Amino acid sequence: MKIICFAILVEGQERIGLRLEFFDKECNKLIKKIGNARWSPSDKSWHIPKDPEHWHRCKSILSEHQLIIHKDEISQKKEDV
């Protein structure tokens, strides 16, 4: 499965957004294992803390999936997480 990774601001904090190409229950379970993963209903994507530890875990846990990194895409969210 393709997973798009992008920078996102949630309540002023930089996070890594993870958008799946389609709903997949098993992939959602894997993302939750990364730690501190939150779902954004308005953006229809997951987001995790933007730090080396969480990024390393993300790449390791999702190693069987294709991670597509969008370095320039930044969006702001004001929702509660």
C-alpha atoms as a PDB file:
ATOM      1  CA  MET A   1       0.000   0.000   0.000  1.00  0.00           C
ATOM      2  CA  LYS A   2       1.124   3.552  -0.684  1.00  0.00           C
ATOM      3  CA  ILE A   3       1.299   5.856   2.325  1.00  0.00           C
ATOM      4  CA  ILE A   4       1.878   9.561   1.732  1.00  0.00           C
ATOM      5  CA  CYS A   5       4.014  11.199   4.432  1.00  0.00           C
ATOM      6  CA  PHE A   6       3.855  14.967   4.819  1.00  0.00           C
ATOM      7  CA  ALA A   7       4.541  17.751   7.303  1.00  0.00           C
ATOM      8  CA  ILE A   8       1.508  19.022   9.193  1.00  0.00           C
ATOM      9  CA  LEU A   9       0.929  21.549  11.981  1.00  0.00           C
ATOM     10  CA  VAL A  10      -1.549  20.440  14.655  1.00  0.00           C
ATOM     11  CA  GLU A  11      -2.281  23.056  17.293  1.00  0.00           C
ATOM     12  CA  GLY A  12       1.052  24.736  16.526  1.00  0.00           C
ATOM     13  CA  GLN A  13       3.090  21.527  16.792  1.00  0.00           C
ATOM     14  CA  GLU A  14       4.958  20.038  13.857  1.00  0.00           C
ATOM     15  CA  ARG A  15       3.892  16.456  13.172  1.00  0.00           C
ATOM     16  CA  ILE A  16       4.212  13.921  10.364  1.00  0.00           C
ATOM     17  CA  GLY A  17       0.984  13.229   8.502  1.00  0.00           C
ATOM     18  CA  LEU A  18       0.331   9.729   7.138  1.00  0.00           C
ATOM     19  CA  ARG A  19      -2.380   9.359   4.488  1.00  0.00           C
ATOM     20  CA  LEU A  20      -3.285   5.858   3.260  1.00  0.00           C
ATOM     21  CA  GLU A  21      -4.338   5.359  -0.346  1.00  0.00           C
ATOM     22  CA  PHE A  22      -7.424   3.485   0.896  1.00  0.00           C
ATOM     23  CA  PHE A  23      -8.874   2.251   4.188  1.00  0.00           C
ATOM     24  CA  ASP A  24      -7.011  -0.727   5.593  1.00  0.00           C
ATOM     25  CA  LYS A  25      -7.783  -1.983   9.100  1.00  0.00           C
ATOM     26  CA  GLU A  26      -4.464  -3.827   9.467  1.00  0.00           C
ATOM     27  CA  CYS A  27      -2.432  -0.812   8.363  1.00  0.00           C
ATOM     28  CA  ASN A  28      -4.318   1.353  10.874  1.00  0.00           C
ATOM     29  CA  LYS A  29      -3.307  -1.114  13.604  1.00  0.00           C
ATOM     30  CA  LEU A  30       0.337  -0.826  12.523  1.00  0.00           C
ATOM     31  CA  ILE A  31       0.232   2.982  12.613  1.00  0.00           C
ATOM     32  CA  LYS A  32      -1.124   2.881  16.160  1.00  0.00           C
ATOM     33  CA  LYS A  33       1.962   0.838  17.146  1.00  0.00           C
ATOM     34  CA  ILE A  34       4.241   3.754  16.177  1.00  0.00           C
ATOM     35  CA  GLY A  35       3.200   5.556  19.343  1.00  0.00           C
ATOM     36  CA  ASN A  36       1.308   8.812  19.916  1.00  0.00           C
ATOM     37  CA  ALA A  37      -0.486   8.412  16.571  1.00  0.00           C
ATOM     38  CA  ARG A  38      -3.675  10.445  16.228  1.00  0.00           C
ATOM     39  CA  TRP A  39      -6.413  10.379  13.576  1.00  0.00           C
ATOM     40  CA  SER A  40      -7.466  13.656  11.937  1.00  0.00           C
ATOM     41  CA  PRO A  41     -11.052  13.316  10.675  1.00  0.00           C
ATOM     42  CA  SER A  42     -10.880  16.654   8.842  1.00  0.00           C
ATOM     43  CA  ASP A  43      -7.665  15.742   6.995  1.00  0.00           C
ATOM     44  CA  LYS A  44      -8.537  12.036   6.725  1.00  0.00           C
ATOM     45  CA  SER A  45      -5.032  11.089   7.782  1.00  0.00           C
ATOM     46  CA  TRP A  46      -3.012   9.941  10.765  1.00  0.00           C
ATOM     47  CA  HIS A  47      -0.314  12.104  12.337  1.00  0.00           C
ATOM     48  CA  ILE A  48       2.611  11.264  14.589  1.00  0.00           C
ATOM     49  CA  PRO A  49       5.206  13.416  16.408  1.00  0.00           C
ATOM     50  CA  LYS A  50       7.865  14.847  14.122  1.00  0.00           C
ATOM     51  CA  ASP A  51      11.051  13.574  15.741  1.00  0.00           C
ATOM     52  CA  PRO A  52      13.747  11.044  14.775  1.00  0.00           C
ATOM     53  CA  GLU A  53      12.492   8.342  17.168  1.00  0.00           C
ATOM     54  CA  HIS A  54       8.922   8.291  15.827  1.00  0.00           C
ATOM     55  CA  TRP A  55      10.083   8.604  12.198  1.00  0.00           C
ATOM     56  CA  HIS A  56      12.450   5.639  12.644  1.00  0.00           C
ATOM     57  CA  ARG A  57       9.638   3.581  14.225  1.00  0.00           C
ATOM     58  CA  CYS A  58       7.296   4.597  11.399  1.00  0.00           C
ATOM     59  CA  LYS A  59       9.734   3.420   8.712  1.00  0.00           C
ATOM     60  CA  SER A  60      10.424   0.191  10.582  1.00  0.00           C
ATOM     61  CA  ILE A  61       6.794  -0.707  11.362  1.00  0.00           C
ATOM     62  CA  LEU A  62       5.550   0.231   7.885  1.00  0.00           C
ATOM     63  CA  SER A  63       8.530  -1.291   6.047  1.00  0.00           C
ATOM     64  CA  GLU A  64       6.301  -3.543   3.939  1.00  0.00           C
ATOM     65  CA  HIS A  65       4.464  -0.503   2.551  1.00  0.00           C
ATOM     66  CA  GLN A  66       5.578   2.177   0.097  1.00  0.00           C
ATOM     67  CA  LEU A  67       6.201   5.463   1.941  1.00  0.00           C
ATOM     68  CA  ILE A  68       5.942   8.483  -0.364  1.00  0.00           C
ATOM     69  CA  ILE A  69       7.520  11.557   1.228  1.00  0.00           C
ATOM     70  CA  HIS A  70       6.153  15.027   0.383  1.00  0.00           C
ATOM     71  CA  LYS A  71       8.655  17.431   1.923  1.00  0.00           C
ATOM     72  CA  ASP A  72       7.039  20.651   0.676  1.00  0.00           C
ATOM     73  CA  GLU A  73       3.428  20.003   1.664  1.00  0.00           C
ATOM     74  CA  ILE A  74       2.543  21.738   4.937  1.00  0.00           C
ATOM     75  CA  SER A  75      -1.001  22.253   6.168  1.00  0.00           C
ATOM     76  CA  GLN A  76      -2.347  23.740   9.391  1.00  0.00           C
ATOM     77  CA  LYS A  77      -4.941  22.083  11.577  1.00  0.00           C
ATOM     78  CA  LYS A  78      -6.623  23.674  14.580  1.00  0.00           C
ATOM     79  CA  GLU A  79      -8.469  20.594  15.777  1.00  0.00           C
ATOM     80  CA  ASP A  80      -8.138  19.042  19.195  1.00  0.00           C
ATOM     81  CA  VAL A  81      -6.085  15.888  19.283  1.00  0.00           C
END
